[in-house]
């Protein structure tokens, strides 16, 4: 959908410019783009953009249009404009924000004036500090997992095994709750004691809510914050759980910060689940209980994006010189022969067109683990991005309720087997990918993919609950 609509928009706008002036006796005066488009209060082109950072823009003149490349993102009224085309309406002035991906080094914006003439604006793009970035992720990971006597330097939030009582888990949950609350979210600690009822299992979740423009729908994003207990399979349990799943937990903390000034269409929950390692208990408790901050039963659940075991994936490389596999699976995949759900188009568009990922890159041989329904087609594919039935994490809870889902997962099993073991540490993650810089690059890519998927899905009305008639 995105490819065809965007292509049509761009072709139409580009054709208008050369045709303008062919009709009538006088040629139209060429307008200066810098007189109607301002970026950070300066004429467009006078200053460089900073990659991954917010920039304000003002477009003047009724009927004037701005078209941006796919890796440059427009926001109007604090929501993303998925097709990257905007037009000044009756107010004769349009304000918004521009955000490039971290991978843009230069770009060209297209202006089509109300009279049909056009102009382009070439912009330099300098290295910036992306709104979600690998260095912030690493620093937060290091703080959470380091143990020392100075609490201002390290948190020591380790040994987070779910179970009552576990003071270490309770202490960490309080810290995570404070993070969301400090950002202004309606943050709640959801505690459920074991009722010996599958719909009310023991759990302790952090649920942060943000109101949407519509009161008819709900959507969310989450990661589990518990880690594998001692003696747990397959590796005997862990005390850090850096990869599984501090990595996803910290990503959610960074998303929460980035989303503070974003307006969503639907009521949105950002969640840290407990008891995932014991069978998705935390997300099930949220979805099936009736409380003020539980999943509303009277609103359409549109989509959910899940973050689990992240950071050891392309572009990080194995010691062998081959890239680690990158997994992103949408669902539900009801028919393996076709794409069933619209969120699959969003996922592909983000990776292929916005982030320019090498979607056809393969290795010689086969990866050690991968998808369920399409393994015969993807056994050697680096970017394993497609619809699939793969489970094993909290997205299943919401997929079973009809939500369209995306599950982000890094290397696992034979491709990286340190999870659920004492070796699941931040130091080990750094070691296996060849250094801290490589780890930061790897996690930054998947965080941008997930963030963009969420922002675009929010503004894609075709993404509906699959149970909706």
Protein backbone atom coordinates (compact mmCIF):
# COMPACT_ATOMS: atom_id res chain seq x y z
CA UNK A 1 0.00 0.00 0.00
CA UNK A 2 2.70 2.48 1.03
CA UNK A 3 4.80 1.98 -2.08
CA UNK A 4 1.95 2.54 -4.53
CA UNK A 5 0.34 5.51 -2.77
CA UNK A 6 3.62 7.29 -2.20
CA UNK A 7 4.79 6.67 -5.75
CA UNK A 8 1.50 8.06 -7.12
CA UNK A 9 1.79 11.17 -4.93
CA UNK A 10 5.37 11.87 -5.94
CA UNK A 11 4.80 11.29 -9.64
CA UNK A 12 1.75 13.55 -9.65
CA UNK A 13 3.57 16.35 -7.85
CA UNK A 14 6.68 16.10 -9.97
CA UNK A 15 4.67 16.18 -13.19
CA UNK A 16 2.90 19.33 -12.11
CA UNK A 17 6.09 21.37 -11.93
CA UNK A 18 7.38 21.03 -15.51
CA UNK A 19 3.87 21.43 -16.92
CA UNK A 20 3.31 24.70 -15.09
CA UNK A 21 3.93 27.67 -17.31
CA UNK A 22 3.04 25.82 -20.50
CA UNK A 23 -0.45 27.25 -20.46
CA UNK A 24 -1.08 30.96 -20.95
CA UNK A 25 1.04 33.63 -22.56
CA UNK A 26 3.42 34.54 -19.74
CA UNK A 27 5.85 32.34 -17.90
CA UNK A 28 5.29 32.26 -14.18
CA UNK A 29 7.88 33.83 -11.92
CA UNK A 30 10.07 31.26 -10.19
CA UNK A 31 9.51 31.43 -6.45
CA UNK A 32 12.24 31.15 -3.83
CA UNK A 33 11.70 28.14 -1.57
CA UNK A 34 13.44 29.93 1.28
CA UNK A 35 10.69 32.55 1.30
CA UNK A 36 7.92 30.08 2.16
CA UNK A 37 9.66 27.19 3.98
CA UNK A 38 11.48 27.82 7.22
CA UNK A 39 13.33 25.21 9.27
CA UNK A 40 14.22 26.09 12.85
CA UNK A 41 13.07 29.65 12.01
CA UNK A 42 15.65 30.01 9.21
CA UNK A 43 15.04 29.91 5.45
CA UNK A 44 15.20 26.29 4.31
CA UNK A 45 18.70 25.43 3.14
CA UNK A 46 20.47 28.00 5.31
CA UNK A 47 21.21 25.56 8.13
CA UNK A 48 22.00 21.86 8.26
CA UNK A 49 19.72 19.27 9.81
CA UNK A 50 20.96 16.98 12.56
CA UNK A 51 20.22 13.32 11.95
CA UNK A 52 17.66 11.73 14.24
CA UNK A 53 16.79 15.02 15.96
CA UNK A 54 13.63 17.13 15.92
CA UNK A 55 13.49 20.27 13.78
CA UNK A 56 10.58 22.67 13.53
CA UNK A 57 9.27 23.87 10.17
CA UNK A 58 6.84 26.48 8.90
CA UNK A 59 5.31 26.27 5.42
CA UNK A 60 3.58 29.42 4.21
CA UNK A 61 1.14 30.12 1.39
CA UNK A 62 -2.25 28.57 0.79
CA UNK A 63 -2.05 25.60 -1.57
CA UNK A 64 1.73 25.17 -1.29
CA UNK A 65 2.87 21.60 -0.78
CA UNK A 66 5.93 19.96 0.78
CA UNK A 67 7.10 16.48 -0.21
CA UNK A 68 9.89 14.71 1.68
CA UNK A 69 11.86 11.52 0.93
CA UNK A 70 10.86 8.35 2.73
CA UNK A 71 13.67 8.60 5.29
CA UNK A 72 12.63 12.13 6.26
CA UNK A 73 9.55 12.17 8.47
CA UNK A 74 6.94 14.92 8.77
CA UNK A 75 4.85 15.52 11.88
CA UNK A 76 1.82 17.80 11.94
CA UNK A 77 -0.30 18.29 15.05
CA UNK A 78 2.27 16.09 16.84
CA UNK A 79 1.45 13.01 14.72
CA UNK A 80 3.39 11.49 11.86
CA UNK A 81 2.27 12.07 8.26
CA UNK A 82 2.80 8.55 6.83
CA UNK A 83 3.01 9.50 3.13
CA UNK A 84 5.30 12.49 3.66
CA UNK A 85 3.15 14.98 1.70
CA UNK A 86 1.50 18.03 3.27
CA UNK A 87 -0.37 21.03 1.89
CA UNK A 88 -1.18 24.42 3.39
CA UNK A 89 -4.92 24.80 3.72
CA UNK A 90 -6.98 27.89 4.47
CA UNK A 91 -4.88 29.23 7.35
CA UNK A 92 -2.06 30.02 4.91
CA UNK A 93 0.44 28.74 7.47
CA UNK A 94 1.38 25.19 8.45
CA UNK A 95 3.64 24.38 11.40
CA UNK A 96 5.15 21.02 12.22
CA UNK A 97 8.30 19.03 12.83
CA UNK A 98 10.85 17.26 10.66
CA UNK A 99 12.73 14.17 11.82
CA UNK A 100 15.30 12.30 9.76
CA UNK A 101 16.40 8.77 10.53
CA UNK A 102 19.90 8.45 12.03
CA UNK A 103 21.19 7.18 8.69
CA UNK A 104 20.50 10.23 6.52
CA UNK A 105 23.61 12.18 5.44
CA UNK A 106 21.96 14.58 2.98
CA UNK A 107 18.48 15.07 1.61
CA UNK A 108 16.35 17.02 -0.83
CA UNK A 109 12.90 18.40 -0.08
CA UNK A 110 10.43 19.15 -2.88
CA UNK A 111 8.12 22.18 -2.87
CA UNK A 112 5.16 22.44 -5.24
CA UNK A 113 3.67 25.91 -5.23
CA UNK A 114 -0.02 26.69 -5.53
CA UNK A 115 0.45 27.84 -9.13
CA UNK A 116 1.94 24.48 -10.14
CA UNK A 117 5.59 25.51 -10.29
CA UNK A 118 8.08 23.63 -8.18
CA UNK A 119 11.42 23.92 -6.45
CA UNK A 120 13.81 21.68 -4.57
CA UNK A 121 15.76 22.38 -1.40
CA UNK A 122 19.05 20.54 -0.82
CA UNK A 123 19.85 20.09 2.84
CA UNK A 124 23.03 18.99 4.54
CA UNK A 125 22.55 16.57 7.42
CA UNK A 126 25.10 16.48 10.22
CA UNK A 127 25.55 13.79 12.85
CA UNK A 128 23.03 14.36 15.62
CA UNK A 129 21.88 12.73 18.82
CA UNK A 130 18.86 10.66 17.74
CA UNK A 131 15.76 10.89 19.91
CA UNK A 132 16.20 7.15 20.52
CA UNK A 133 19.82 6.05 20.37
CA UNK A 134 22.17 3.24 21.22
CA UNK A 135 24.38 5.23 23.56
CA UNK A 136 21.49 6.22 25.83
CA UNK A 137 20.34 2.59 25.77
CA UNK A 138 23.80 1.33 26.75
CA UNK A 139 24.21 3.89 29.53
CA UNK A 140 20.81 2.97 31.00
CA UNK A 141 21.57 -0.75 30.71
CA UNK A 142 24.90 -0.25 32.45
CA UNK A 143 23.27 1.74 35.27
CA UNK A 144 20.49 -0.80 35.83
CA UNK A 145 22.76 -3.84 35.82
CA UNK A 146 25.82 -2.49 37.67
CA UNK A 147 26.15 -3.18 41.38
CA UNK A 148 28.08 -0.78 43.63
CA UNK A 149 27.74 1.11 46.89
CA UNK A 150 26.91 4.47 45.27
CA UNK A 151 23.26 4.38 44.18
CA UNK A 152 23.75 7.52 42.08
CA UNK A 153 26.20 5.63 39.88
CA UNK A 154 24.55 2.25 39.59
CA UNK A 155 21.11 0.81 40.23
CA UNK A 156 21.87 -2.82 40.88
CA UNK A 157 18.45 -3.88 39.62
CA UNK A 158 19.48 -7.50 39.12
CA UNK A 159 18.00 -10.85 40.27
CA UNK A 160 14.58 -9.81 38.96
CA UNK A 161 12.89 -13.18 39.21
CA UNK A 162 9.13 -12.98 39.48
CA UNK A 163 7.61 -14.46 42.60
CA UNK A 164 6.29 -13.41 45.99
CA UNK A 165 8.17 -12.27 47.80
CA UNK A 166 11.25 -11.14 45.86
CA UNK A 167 12.48 -7.79 47.21
CA UNK A 168 14.82 -7.37 44.23
CA UNK A 169 11.92 -7.54 41.78
CA UNK A 170 9.77 -5.21 43.89
CA UNK A 171 12.60 -2.67 44.12
CA UNK A 172 13.16 -2.74 40.36
CA UNK A 173 9.43 -2.43 39.63
CA UNK A 174 9.29 0.70 41.79
CA UNK A 175 12.21 2.18 39.84
CA UNK A 176 10.59 1.47 36.47
CA UNK A 177 7.26 2.85 37.67
CA UNK A 178 9.01 6.06 38.70
CA UNK A 179 10.52 6.44 35.24
CA UNK A 180 7.13 6.46 33.47
CA UNK A 181 5.48 8.56 36.16
CA UNK A 182 8.30 11.10 36.01
CA UNK A 183 7.66 11.55 32.28
CA UNK A 184 4.04 12.47 32.97
CA UNK A 185 2.31 9.20 32.07
CA UNK A 186 -0.56 7.80 34.06
CA UNK A 187 1.63 5.05 35.50
CA UNK A 188 0.28 2.13 37.51
CA UNK A 189 1.67 -0.87 39.32
CA UNK A 190 -0.67 -3.75 38.54
CA UNK A 191 -0.35 -6.43 41.20
CA UNK A 192 -2.28 -9.70 41.01
CA UNK A 193 -1.90 -12.45 43.57
CA UNK A 194 -2.30 -16.07 42.53
CA UNK A 195 -6.00 -17.00 42.50
CA UNK A 196 -5.32 -20.45 41.02
CA UNK A 197 -7.21 -19.10 38.02
CA UNK A 198 -5.53 -18.87 34.58
CA UNK A 199 -7.08 -15.45 33.99
CA UNK A 200 -5.74 -14.10 37.28
CA UNK A 201 -2.20 -15.42 37.69
CA UNK A 202 0.37 -13.95 40.02
CA UNK A 203 1.94 -10.94 38.33
CA UNK A 204 3.23 -7.42 38.84
CA UNK A 205 3.16 -5.20 35.76
CA UNK A 206 4.02 -1.57 35.09
CA UNK A 207 1.32 0.00 32.90
CA UNK A 208 1.74 3.55 31.57
CA UNK A 209 -1.25 5.09 29.78
CA UNK A 210 -1.45 8.00 27.33
CA UNK A 211 -4.84 9.27 26.17
CA UNK A 212 -5.53 9.29 22.44
CA UNK A 213 -7.71 11.53 20.32
CA UNK A 214 -10.34 8.79 20.00
CA UNK A 215 -12.01 7.05 22.91
CA UNK A 216 -13.05 4.11 20.72
CA UNK A 217 -9.74 2.27 20.30
CA UNK A 218 -6.64 1.15 22.14
CA UNK A 219 -3.14 0.06 21.13
CA UNK A 220 0.09 -0.74 22.89
CA UNK A 221 3.72 -1.67 23.09
CA UNK A 222 5.57 -3.67 25.70
CA UNK A 223 8.43 -5.81 26.93
CA UNK A 224 8.78 -8.20 29.82
CA UNK A 225 10.94 -7.03 32.73
CA UNK A 226 11.31 -10.34 34.57
CA UNK A 227 14.28 -12.63 33.98
CA UNK A 228 14.74 -16.39 33.98
CA UNK A 229 14.90 -17.75 37.57
CA UNK A 230 17.75 -19.88 38.90
CA UNK A 231 17.65 -23.39 37.53
CA UNK A 232 15.38 -22.39 34.65
CA UNK A 233 15.80 -23.93 31.22
CA UNK A 234 17.64 -24.01 28.94
CA UNK A 235 20.75 -22.48 30.52
CA UNK A 236 20.14 -22.60 34.26
CA UNK A 237 18.77 -19.12 34.89
CA UNK A 238 20.41 -15.71 35.13
CA UNK A 239 21.01 -12.84 37.51
CA UNK A 240 21.38 -9.96 34.99
CA UNK A 241 19.15 -11.04 32.15
CA UNK A 242 20.80 -8.38 30.00
CA UNK A 243 19.57 -9.75 26.68
CA UNK A 244 16.41 -11.39 27.99
CA UNK A 245 15.01 -8.94 28.70
CA UNK A 246 16.70 -5.88 30.10
CA UNK A 247 17.35 -4.96 26.47
CA UNK A 248 13.62 -4.68 25.70
CA UNK A 249 12.87 -3.11 29.07
CA UNK A 250 15.29 -0.23 28.48
CA UNK A 251 14.02 0.20 24.93
CA UNK A 252 10.54 0.78 26.36
CA UNK A 253 11.95 3.39 28.74
CA UNK A 254 13.47 5.26 25.78
CA UNK A 255 10.28 4.98 23.71
CA UNK A 256 8.33 6.46 26.61
CA UNK A 257 10.64 9.47 26.62
CA UNK A 258 10.38 9.89 22.84
CA UNK A 259 6.56 9.63 22.88
CA UNK A 260 5.95 12.32 25.50
CA UNK A 261 5.19 15.03 22.93
CA UNK A 262 3.54 12.71 20.36
CA UNK A 263 -0.25 12.68 19.98
CA UNK A 264 -1.74 9.25 19.27
CA UNK A 265 -5.04 8.44 17.64
CA UNK A 266 -5.98 5.77 20.17
CA UNK A 267 -5.49 5.36 23.90
CA UNK A 268 -2.01 3.88 24.22
CA UNK A 269 -0.41 1.67 26.85
CA UNK A 270 3.34 1.24 27.29
CA UNK A 271 3.93 -1.79 29.48
CA UNK A 272 6.59 -3.75 31.31
CA UNK A 273 5.28 -7.26 31.89
CA UNK A 274 6.14 -9.71 34.62
CA UNK A 275 5.95 -13.48 34.60
CA UNK A 276 6.63 -13.84 30.87
CA UNK A 277 9.15 -16.52 31.71
CA UNK A 278 6.40 -18.40 33.59
CA UNK A 279 3.98 -18.41 30.66
CA UNK A 280 2.93 -14.84 29.69
CA UNK A 281 1.16 -14.43 33.02
CA UNK A 282 1.65 -10.70 33.31
CA UNK A 283 0.24 -9.72 29.93
CA UNK A 284 -2.61 -12.20 30.34
CA UNK A 285 -3.52 -10.68 33.69
CA UNK A 286 -3.62 -7.20 32.13
CA UNK A 287 -5.73 -8.39 29.19
CA UNK A 288 -8.24 -10.42 31.20
CA UNK A 289 -8.76 -8.54 34.46
CA UNK A 290 -11.23 -5.73 35.04
CA UNK A 291 -9.52 -2.72 36.61
CA UNK A 292 -9.18 0.97 35.86
CA UNK A 293 -5.82 0.51 34.14
CA UNK A 294 -6.35 -2.94 32.62
CA UNK A 295 -7.05 -3.48 28.93
CA UNK A 296 -10.46 -1.90 28.21
CA UNK A 297 -13.01 -4.43 27.04
CA UNK A 298 -15.25 -1.83 25.36
CA UNK A 299 -12.64 -0.46 22.94
CA UNK A 300 -11.19 -1.91 19.76
CA UNK A 301 -7.69 -3.31 20.33
CA UNK A 302 -5.95 -2.35 17.08
CA UNK A 303 -2.32 -3.43 17.38
CA UNK A 304 0.50 -4.33 19.73
CA UNK A 305 4.31 -4.31 19.24
CA UNK A 306 6.53 -6.53 21.40
CA UNK A 307 10.22 -6.12 22.27
CA UNK A 308 12.10 -9.19 23.50
CA UNK A 309 15.78 -10.20 23.38
CA UNK A 310 17.11 -7.27 21.37
CA UNK A 311 20.51 -5.98 20.29
CA UNK A 312 22.25 -9.07 18.96
CA UNK A 313 21.10 -8.83 15.36
CA UNK A 314 22.07 -7.20 12.08
CA UNK A 315 24.12 -5.03 11.60
CA UNK A 316 26.16 -6.79 14.32
CA UNK A 317 28.52 -9.47 13.04
CA UNK A 318 29.44 -12.91 14.35
CA UNK A 319 33.07 -13.92 14.86
CA UNK A 320 32.70 -15.91 11.64
CA UNK A 321 32.18 -12.67 9.73
CA UNK A 322 28.53 -13.39 9.01
CA UNK A 323 25.85 -11.01 10.28
CA UNK A 324 23.63 -12.04 13.14
CA UNK A 325 20.04 -12.68 12.00
CA UNK A 326 17.41 -9.97 12.42
CA UNK A 327 13.86 -11.12 13.19
CA UNK A 328 10.64 -9.10 12.96
CA UNK A 329 7.41 -11.03 12.58
CA UNK A 330 3.92 -9.65 12.11
CA UNK A 331 0.71 -11.49 12.70
CA UNK A 332 -1.63 -13.15 12.81
CA UNK A 333 -0.46 -15.13 9.78
CA UNK A 334 -3.70 -16.95 9.05
CA UNK A 335 -2.79 -17.88 5.48
CA UNK A 336 0.92 -18.48 4.80
CA UNK A 337 0.40 -17.82 1.09
CA UNK A 338 -0.67 -14.17 1.49
CA UNK A 339 -0.14 -11.19 3.80
CA UNK A 340 -3.21 -11.19 5.99
CA UNK A 341 -2.83 -7.94 7.93
CA UNK A 342 -2.10 -4.32 7.08
CA UNK A 343 0.55 -3.98 9.77
CA UNK A 344 2.75 -6.26 7.65
CA UNK A 345 2.87 -3.55 4.98
CA UNK A 346 3.90 -1.00 7.61
CA UNK A 347 6.65 -3.30 8.90
CA UNK A 348 8.02 -3.90 5.41
CA UNK A 349 7.81 -0.20 4.50
CA UNK A 350 9.76 0.81 7.61
CA UNK A 351 12.58 -1.65 7.01
CA UNK A 352 12.76 -1.54 3.23
CA UNK A 353 11.98 2.08 2.36
CA UNK A 354 12.59 4.23 5.44
CA UNK A 355 15.57 2.51 7.08
CA UNK A 356 16.93 1.13 3.77
CA UNK A 357 17.71 -2.29 5.26
CA UNK A 358 19.34 -4.91 2.99
CA UNK A 359 16.18 -6.99 2.70
CA UNK A 360 17.67 -9.53 0.27
CA UNK A 361 20.96 -10.11 2.11
CA UNK A 362 21.71 -13.81 2.68
CA UNK A 363 24.46 -15.94 4.16
CA UNK A 364 26.12 -19.05 2.84
CA UNK A 365 24.55 -21.86 4.81
CA UNK A 366 21.73 -21.62 7.31
CA UNK A 367 20.91 -19.86 10.55
CA UNK A 368 20.37 -21.91 13.66
CA UNK A 369 16.82 -20.78 14.44
CA UNK A 370 14.08 -18.74 12.87
CA UNK A 371 10.45 -18.42 11.96
CA UNK A 372 7.71 -21.03 12.12
CA UNK A 373 5.75 -21.04 8.87
CA UNK A 374 8.34 -19.78 6.38
CA UNK A 375 11.64 -21.31 7.50
CA UNK A 376 12.18 -23.07 4.15
CA UNK A 377 12.20 -19.63 2.48
CA UNK A 378 14.15 -17.75 5.17
CA UNK A 379 16.77 -20.16 6.54
CA UNK A 380 19.63 -18.04 5.16
CA UNK A 381 17.97 -14.60 5.04
CA UNK A 382 19.54 -11.99 7.31
CA UNK A 383 16.49 -9.69 7.44
CA UNK A 384 13.84 -12.20 8.52
CA UNK A 385 10.97 -9.68 8.27
CA UNK A 386 7.54 -11.05 7.35
CA UNK A 387 4.24 -12.42 8.64
CA UNK A 388 4.53 -15.51 10.78
CA UNK A 389 2.86 -17.51 13.54
CA UNK A 390 5.91 -17.44 15.84
CA UNK A 391 4.96 -17.21 19.51
CA UNK A 392 7.04 -17.52 22.69
CA UNK A 393 6.41 -13.99 24.02
CA UNK A 394 3.76 -11.51 25.14
CA UNK A 395 2.52 -10.52 21.68
CA UNK A 396 0.64 -13.83 21.68
CA UNK A 397 -1.68 -12.51 24.41
CA UNK A 398 -2.85 -9.68 22.17
CA UNK A 399 -2.73 -11.59 18.91
CA UNK A 400 -5.17 -14.07 20.45
CA UNK A 401 -7.53 -11.13 21.04
CA UNK A 402 -7.47 -10.15 17.37
CA UNK A 403 -4.83 -7.42 17.52
CA UNK A 404 -2.41 -7.04 14.65
CA UNK A 405 1.06 -7.58 16.12
CA UNK A 406 4.77 -7.19 15.45
CA UNK A 407 7.33 -9.18 17.42
CA UNK A 408 10.94 -7.96 17.43
CA UNK A 409 13.43 -10.64 18.45
CA UNK A 410 17.19 -10.88 18.11
CA UNK A 411 19.34 -13.95 17.59
CA UNK A 412 18.47 -16.97 19.73
CA UNK A 413 19.11 -20.69 20.23
CA UNK A 414 22.04 -21.77 18.03
CA UNK A 415 22.69 -18.19 16.87
CA UNK A 416 23.07 -16.90 20.44
CA UNK A 417 22.48 -19.30 23.31
CA UNK A 418 23.54 -17.24 26.35
CA UNK A 419 19.99 -16.23 27.26
CA UNK A 420 18.48 -17.89 30.35
CA UNK A 421 22.02 -18.55 31.60
CA UNK A 422 24.56 -16.88 33.91
CA UNK A 423 26.31 -15.70 30.72
CA UNK A 424 23.40 -13.40 29.85
CA UNK A 425 25.27 -10.25 30.83
CA UNK A 426 25.87 -6.88 29.24
CA UNK A 427 29.59 -7.61 29.07
CA UNK A 428 28.89 -10.79 27.12
CA UNK A 429 26.63 -8.94 24.69
CA UNK A 430 29.43 -6.44 24.04
CA UNK A 431 31.93 -9.24 23.55
CA UNK A 432 29.96 -11.35 21.06
CA UNK A 433 29.20 -8.42 18.70
CA UNK A 434 32.75 -7.06 18.77
CA UNK A 435 32.51 -4.03 21.03
CA UNK A 436 30.23 -1.46 22.62
CA UNK A 437 29.96 0.64 19.44
CA UNK A 438 28.71 -2.36 17.47
CA UNK A 439 26.14 -3.21 20.13
CA UNK A 440 24.89 0.38 20.18
CA UNK A 441 24.51 0.37 16.39
CA UNK A 442 22.59 -2.89 16.47
CA UNK A 443 20.13 -1.87 19.19
CA UNK A 444 19.63 1.59 17.68
CA UNK A 445 18.49 0.11 14.38
CA UNK A 446 15.85 -2.17 15.88
CA UNK A 447 14.61 0.56 18.24
CA UNK A 448 14.10 2.92 15.31
CA UNK A 449 12.31 0.20 13.39
CA UNK A 450 9.89 -0.49 16.23
CA UNK A 451 9.33 3.20 17.00
CA UNK A 452 8.53 4.02 13.37
CA UNK A 453 6.23 1.00 13.09
CA UNK A 454 4.29 2.26 16.07
CA UNK A 455 4.06 5.87 14.87
CA UNK A 456 2.92 4.89 11.37
CA UNK A 457 0.52 2.17 12.54
CA UNK A 458 -1.15 4.74 14.79
CA UNK A 459 -1.92 6.86 11.71
CA UNK A 460 -2.96 3.93 9.47
CA UNK A 461 -6.72 3.48 9.91
CA UNK A 462 -6.68 0.25 7.88
CA UNK A 463 -5.00 -1.44 10.84
CA UNK A 464 -7.99 -2.87 12.66
CA UNK A 465 -8.67 -5.72 15.02
CA UNK A 466 -8.98 -8.89 12.94
CA UNK A 467 -12.15 -9.82 14.83
CA UNK A 468 -13.86 -6.61 13.66
CA UNK A 469 -16.54 -7.36 11.10
